[in-house]
Amino acid sequence: MSAVEQYTRAHLVTDSPDEHVVVPVALRYDPEADPRAVRVGLPGSHDWTFSRELLEQGLRAPTESGDISIWPCGRVQTILEFHSAQGVAVVQFDASALIRFLRRTYAAAPVPH
């Protein structure tokens, strides 16, 4: 089983209608560390670790677990919302980048039973 790392860009959602902040994001999966978890690395923030299943479910319907919420936004976007003591980060992804990442994780390590 090999680790998967994918870099993509996402839009940081702010309350300013004029501001569209594009940030680099690192998507990581290491089946040897935890075959059920994925990590999302945002600039200036720690990595967020949550279940691969949560990410997959959030592509189809609103879902949440602890400090993380994921939901589809239209047909081609997905929102990830992260809550921490420092505040809330809301990040909008192209769903295709997340789907591609998930496919790569399942190729690296099928769903554990």
N, C-alpha and C. Protein backbone atom coordinates (compact mmCIF):
# COMPACT_ATOMS: atom_id res chain seq x y z
N MET A 1 0.85 -1.18 0.00
CA MET A 1 0.00 0.00 0.00
C MET A 1 0.89 1.24 0.00
N SER A 2 0.58 2.15 -0.90
CA SER A 2 1.41 3.34 -0.97
C SER A 2 0.58 4.58 -0.63
N ALA A 3 1.27 5.58 -0.14
CA ALA A 3 0.63 6.84 0.23
C ALA A 3 0.22 7.60 -1.03
N VAL A 4 -0.80 8.43 -0.89
CA VAL A 4 -1.29 9.26 -1.98
C VAL A 4 -1.19 10.70 -1.54
N GLU A 5 -0.63 11.54 -2.40
CA GLU A 5 -0.56 12.96 -2.12
C GLU A 5 -0.97 13.69 -3.39
N GLN A 6 -1.90 14.60 -3.26
CA GLN A 6 -2.39 15.35 -4.41
C GLN A 6 -2.50 16.82 -4.03
N TYR A 7 -2.00 17.66 -4.89
CA TYR A 7 -2.09 19.10 -4.65
C TYR A 7 -3.14 19.69 -5.57
N THR A 8 -3.94 20.59 -5.02
CA THR A 8 -4.98 21.24 -5.80
C THR A 8 -5.14 22.67 -5.29
N ARG A 9 -6.03 23.38 -5.90
CA ARG A 9 -6.35 24.74 -5.45
C ARG A 9 -7.81 24.75 -5.03
N ALA A 10 -8.12 25.62 -4.09
CA ALA A 10 -9.49 25.77 -3.63
C ALA A 10 -9.73 27.24 -3.32
N HIS A 11 -10.99 27.60 -3.23
CA HIS A 11 -11.37 28.98 -2.90
C HIS A 11 -11.69 29.07 -1.43
N LEU A 12 -11.02 29.98 -0.76
CA LEU A 12 -11.33 30.28 0.64
C LEU A 12 -12.54 31.20 0.63
N VAL A 13 -13.61 30.75 1.26
CA VAL A 13 -14.85 31.53 1.28
C VAL A 13 -14.76 32.55 2.41
N THR A 14 -15.00 33.80 2.07
CA THR A 14 -14.97 34.88 3.05
C THR A 14 -16.31 35.60 3.02
N ASP A 15 -16.52 36.51 3.95
CA ASP A 15 -17.76 37.27 3.96
C ASP A 15 -17.69 38.51 3.07
N SER A 16 -16.61 38.68 2.34
CA SER A 16 -16.47 39.80 1.41
C SER A 16 -16.90 39.36 0.01
N PRO A 17 -17.91 40.02 -0.57
CA PRO A 17 -18.37 39.60 -1.90
C PRO A 17 -17.34 39.83 -3.00
N ASP A 18 -16.37 40.72 -2.76
CA ASP A 18 -15.38 41.04 -3.78
C ASP A 18 -14.12 40.18 -3.68
N GLU A 19 -13.98 39.45 -2.60
CA GLU A 19 -12.73 38.75 -2.35
C GLU A 19 -12.85 37.27 -2.70
N HIS A 20 -12.03 36.84 -3.65
CA HIS A 20 -11.96 35.43 -4.04
C HIS A 20 -10.52 34.97 -3.81
N VAL A 21 -10.28 34.36 -2.68
CA VAL A 21 -8.94 33.95 -2.31
C VAL A 21 -8.74 32.50 -2.74
N VAL A 22 -7.78 32.27 -3.63
CA VAL A 22 -7.45 30.93 -4.05
C VAL A 22 -6.25 30.48 -3.24
N VAL A 23 -6.36 29.29 -2.64
CA VAL A 23 -5.28 28.78 -1.79
C VAL A 23 -4.83 27.41 -2.29
N PRO A 24 -3.55 27.10 -2.12
CA PRO A 24 -3.08 25.75 -2.44
C PRO A 24 -3.48 24.81 -1.30
N VAL A 25 -3.88 23.60 -1.66
CA VAL A 25 -4.31 22.62 -0.68
C VAL A 25 -3.61 21.30 -0.96
N ALA A 26 -3.16 20.64 0.09
CA ALA A 26 -2.55 19.32 -0.03
C ALA A 26 -3.53 18.28 0.49
N LEU A 27 -3.87 17.33 -0.36
CA LEU A 27 -4.73 16.21 0.03
C LEU A 27 -3.82 15.01 0.23
N ARG A 28 -3.92 14.35 1.38
CA ARG A 28 -3.00 13.25 1.69
C ARG A 28 -3.76 12.04 2.22
N TYR A 29 -3.22 10.87 1.87
CA TYR A 29 -3.78 9.61 2.37
C TYR A 29 -2.61 8.66 2.58
N ASP A 30 -2.50 8.15 3.79
CA ASP A 30 -1.43 7.20 4.12
C ASP A 30 -2.06 5.97 4.76
N PRO A 31 -2.29 4.92 3.96
CA PRO A 31 -2.97 3.74 4.49
C PRO A 31 -2.20 3.02 5.59
N GLU A 32 -0.89 3.21 5.63
CA GLU A 32 -0.12 2.57 6.69
C GLU A 32 -0.32 3.29 8.03
N ALA A 33 -0.52 4.60 7.98
CA ALA A 33 -0.77 5.36 9.22
C ALA A 33 -2.20 5.14 9.69
N ASP A 34 -3.17 5.23 8.78
CA ASP A 34 -4.57 4.99 9.11
C ASP A 34 -5.33 4.77 7.80
N PRO A 35 -5.72 3.53 7.51
CA PRO A 35 -6.38 3.25 6.23
C PRO A 35 -7.77 3.86 6.08
N ARG A 36 -8.32 4.40 7.15
CA ARG A 36 -9.67 4.99 7.09
C ARG A 36 -9.65 6.52 7.02
N ALA A 37 -8.48 7.15 7.13
CA ALA A 37 -8.42 8.61 7.26
C ALA A 37 -7.75 9.29 6.08
N VAL A 38 -8.22 10.49 5.78
CA VAL A 38 -7.58 11.38 4.81
C VAL A 38 -7.19 12.65 5.54
N ARG A 39 -6.25 13.40 4.97
CA ARG A 39 -5.82 14.67 5.56
C ARG A 39 -5.92 15.77 4.52
N VAL A 40 -6.35 16.94 4.97
CA VAL A 40 -6.43 18.12 4.12
C VAL A 40 -5.54 19.17 4.77
N GLY A 41 -4.53 19.63 4.03
CA GLY A 41 -3.61 20.64 4.54
C GLY A 41 -3.89 22.00 3.91
N LEU A 42 -4.27 22.95 4.75
CA LEU A 42 -4.51 24.32 4.31
C LEU A 42 -3.33 25.19 4.71
N PRO A 43 -3.01 26.22 3.92
CA PRO A 43 -1.91 27.10 4.29
C PRO A 43 -2.19 27.83 5.60
N GLY A 44 -1.20 27.91 6.46
CA GLY A 44 -1.33 28.62 7.73
C GLY A 44 -2.19 27.89 8.74
N SER A 45 -2.46 26.63 8.50
CA SER A 45 -3.32 25.85 9.38
C SER A 45 -2.71 24.47 9.53
N HIS A 46 -3.12 23.79 10.57
CA HIS A 46 -2.67 22.41 10.69
C HIS A 46 -3.44 21.54 9.70
N ASP A 47 -2.99 20.32 9.49
CA ASP A 47 -3.73 19.40 8.65
C ASP A 47 -4.99 18.96 9.37
N TRP A 48 -6.07 18.86 8.65
CA TRP A 48 -7.33 18.34 9.17
C TRP A 48 -7.42 16.88 8.79
N THR A 49 -7.63 16.02 9.75
CA THR A 49 -7.72 14.59 9.50
C THR A 49 -9.14 14.13 9.81
N PHE A 50 -9.72 13.39 8.88
CA PHE A 50 -11.07 12.89 9.06
C PHE A 50 -11.24 11.65 8.18
N SER A 51 -12.37 10.98 8.33
CA SER A 51 -12.55 9.70 7.64
C SER A 51 -12.73 9.89 6.14
N ARG A 52 -12.17 8.95 5.42
CA ARG A 52 -12.32 8.92 3.97
C ARG A 52 -13.81 8.78 3.62
N GLU A 53 -14.53 8.03 4.43
CA GLU A 53 -15.96 7.84 4.22
C GLU A 53 -16.73 9.16 4.35
N LEU A 54 -16.35 10.01 5.29
CA LEU A 54 -16.99 11.32 5.46
C LEU A 54 -16.82 12.16 4.19
N LEU A 55 -15.62 12.15 3.62
CA LEU A 55 -15.38 12.91 2.40
C LEU A 55 -16.25 12.37 1.27
N GLU A 56 -16.31 11.07 1.14
CA GLU A 56 -17.11 10.47 0.08
C GLU A 56 -18.60 10.81 0.25
N GLN A 57 -19.10 10.71 1.47
CA GLN A 57 -20.51 11.03 1.73
C GLN A 57 -20.82 12.49 1.46
N GLY A 58 -19.87 13.37 1.83
CA GLY A 58 -20.07 14.80 1.65
C GLY A 58 -20.12 15.25 0.21
N LEU A 59 -19.62 14.43 -0.70
CA LEU A 59 -19.72 14.75 -2.12
C LEU A 59 -21.15 14.59 -2.63
N ARG A 60 -21.96 13.78 -1.93
CA ARG A 60 -23.32 13.48 -2.37
C ARG A 60 -24.40 14.19 -1.56
N ALA A 61 -24.13 14.41 -0.26
CA ALA A 61 -25.15 14.99 0.62
C ALA A 61 -24.46 15.64 1.81
N PRO A 62 -25.10 16.63 2.44
CA PRO A 62 -24.50 17.27 3.61
C PRO A 62 -24.21 16.24 4.71
N THR A 63 -23.02 16.34 5.30
CA THR A 63 -22.63 15.44 6.37
C THR A 63 -21.67 16.18 7.29
N GLU A 64 -21.55 15.71 8.51
CA GLU A 64 -20.61 16.33 9.43
C GLU A 64 -20.15 15.32 10.46
N SER A 65 -18.99 15.61 11.00
CA SER A 65 -18.43 14.79 12.07
C SER A 65 -17.52 15.70 12.89
N GLY A 66 -17.87 15.89 14.16
CA GLY A 66 -17.06 16.75 15.02
C GLY A 66 -16.95 18.15 14.48
N ASP A 67 -15.73 18.59 14.23
CA ASP A 67 -15.46 19.96 13.79
C ASP A 67 -15.45 20.14 12.27
N ILE A 68 -15.90 19.12 11.53
CA ILE A 68 -15.82 19.16 10.07
C ILE A 68 -17.20 18.92 9.47
N SER A 69 -17.59 19.80 8.54
CA SER A 69 -18.83 19.63 7.77
C SER A 69 -18.46 19.63 6.29
N ILE A 70 -19.15 18.80 5.52
CA ILE A 70 -18.91 18.72 4.08
C ILE A 70 -20.26 18.64 3.39
N TRP A 71 -20.40 19.40 2.28
CA TRP A 71 -21.64 19.31 1.53
C TRP A 71 -21.40 19.71 0.07
N PRO A 72 -22.23 19.14 -0.82
CA PRO A 72 -22.14 19.54 -2.23
C PRO A 72 -22.69 20.95 -2.39
N CYS A 73 -22.13 21.67 -3.34
CA CYS A 73 -22.57 23.04 -3.64
C CYS A 73 -22.79 23.09 -5.15
N GLY A 74 -24.04 22.91 -5.55
CA GLY A 74 -24.31 22.80 -6.98
C GLY A 74 -23.85 21.44 -7.48
N ARG A 75 -23.62 21.35 -8.77
CA ARG A 75 -23.25 20.05 -9.36
C ARG A 75 -21.75 19.81 -9.43
N VAL A 76 -20.95 20.88 -9.32
CA VAL A 76 -19.51 20.69 -9.55
C VAL A 76 -18.62 21.18 -8.42
N GLN A 77 -19.21 21.67 -7.34
CA GLN A 77 -18.42 22.20 -6.22
C GLN A 77 -18.75 21.44 -4.94
N THR A 78 -17.79 21.41 -4.03
CA THR A 78 -18.00 20.81 -2.71
C THR A 78 -17.40 21.75 -1.68
N ILE A 79 -18.11 21.94 -0.57
CA ILE A 79 -17.66 22.82 0.50
C ILE A 79 -17.17 21.97 1.67
N LEU A 80 -16.01 22.34 2.21
CA LEU A 80 -15.51 21.76 3.45
C LEU A 80 -15.41 22.89 4.46
N GLU A 81 -15.98 22.69 5.64
CA GLU A 81 -15.97 23.70 6.71
C GLU A 81 -15.28 23.10 7.91
N PHE A 82 -14.24 23.80 8.38
CA PHE A 82 -13.42 23.33 9.50
C PHE A 82 -13.56 24.31 10.66
N HIS A 83 -13.87 23.80 11.85
CA HIS A 83 -13.98 24.63 13.05
C HIS A 83 -12.82 24.32 13.98
N SER A 84 -12.20 25.38 14.52
CA SER A 84 -11.13 25.22 15.50
C SER A 84 -11.20 26.36 16.50
N ALA A 85 -10.32 26.32 17.48
CA ALA A 85 -10.28 27.39 18.47
C ALA A 85 -9.92 28.73 17.82
N GLN A 86 -9.22 28.69 16.68
CA GLN A 86 -8.83 29.92 15.99
C GLN A 86 -9.94 30.49 15.12
N GLY A 87 -11.00 29.72 14.90
CA GLY A 87 -12.10 30.21 14.08
C GLY A 87 -12.59 29.15 13.12
N VAL A 88 -13.21 29.61 12.05
CA VAL A 88 -13.82 28.72 11.06
C VAL A 88 -13.16 28.98 9.71
N ALA A 89 -12.83 27.90 9.00
CA ALA A 89 -12.34 28.01 7.62
C ALA A 89 -13.36 27.30 6.74
N VAL A 90 -13.82 28.01 5.71
CA VAL A 90 -14.76 27.44 4.74
C VAL A 90 -14.04 27.46 3.39
N VAL A 91 -13.93 26.26 2.80
CA VAL A 91 -13.14 26.12 1.58
C VAL A 91 -13.99 25.44 0.51
N GLN A 92 -14.00 26.02 -0.69
CA GLN A 92 -14.79 25.49 -1.80
C GLN A 92 -13.85 24.82 -2.80
N PHE A 93 -14.12 23.54 -3.08
CA PHE A 93 -13.30 22.74 -4.00
C PHE A 93 -14.09 22.43 -5.27
N ASP A 94 -13.36 22.20 -6.35
CA ASP A 94 -13.97 21.54 -7.49
C ASP A 94 -14.17 20.10 -7.07
N ALA A 95 -15.39 19.61 -7.16
CA ALA A 95 -15.67 18.24 -6.74
C ALA A 95 -14.81 17.24 -7.50
N SER A 96 -14.49 17.54 -8.75
CA SER A 96 -13.70 16.61 -9.57
C SER A 96 -12.32 16.35 -8.95
N ALA A 97 -11.72 17.35 -8.31
CA ALA A 97 -10.41 17.15 -7.66
C ALA A 97 -10.55 16.20 -6.47
N LEU A 98 -11.63 16.34 -5.70
CA LEU A 98 -11.84 15.46 -4.55
C LEU A 98 -12.18 14.04 -5.01
N ILE A 99 -12.97 13.92 -6.07
CA ILE A 99 -13.31 12.59 -6.61
C ILE A 99 -12.05 11.90 -7.12
N ARG A 100 -11.22 12.62 -7.84
CA ARG A 100 -9.96 12.06 -8.35
C ARG A 100 -9.07 11.59 -7.19
N PHE A 101 -8.99 12.40 -6.14
CA PHE A 101 -8.21 12.03 -4.97
C PHE A 101 -8.77 10.76 -4.33
N LEU A 102 -10.08 10.70 -4.12
CA LEU A 102 -10.69 9.51 -3.52
C LEU A 102 -10.42 8.26 -4.36
N ARG A 103 -10.55 8.38 -5.67
CA ARG A 103 -10.27 7.23 -6.55
C ARG A 103 -8.84 6.75 -6.36
N ARG A 104 -7.92 7.67 -6.25
CA ARG A 104 -6.51 7.29 -6.04
C ARG A 104 -6.33 6.60 -4.70
N THR A 105 -7.06 7.05 -3.65
CA THR A 105 -6.93 6.41 -2.34
C THR A 105 -7.47 4.99 -2.39
N TYR A 106 -8.58 4.78 -3.10
CA TYR A 106 -9.16 3.43 -3.18
C TYR A 106 -8.29 2.51 -4.03
N ALA A 107 -7.59 3.08 -5.01
CA ALA A 107 -6.66 2.26 -5.79
C ALA A 107 -5.46 1.86 -4.90
N ALA A 108 -5.05 2.76 -4.02
CA ALA A 108 -3.91 2.46 -3.12
C ALA A 108 -4.29 1.48 -2.04
N ALA A 109 -5.52 1.58 -1.54
CA ALA A 109 -5.98 0.69 -0.46
C ALA A 109 -7.50 0.63 -0.50
N PRO A 110 -8.04 -0.54 -0.85
CA PRO A 110 -9.49 -0.69 -0.86
C PRO A 110 -10.07 -0.45 0.54
N VAL A 111 -11.37 -0.36 0.60
CA VAL A 111 -12.06 -0.11 1.86
C VAL A 111 -11.74 -1.25 2.83
N PRO A 112 -11.20 -0.95 4.02
CA PRO A 112 -10.94 -2.00 5.00
C PRO A 112 -12.25 -2.51 5.61
N HIS A 113 -12.27 -3.77 5.97
CA HIS A 113 -13.48 -4.36 6.57
C HIS A 113 -13.37 -4.41 8.05
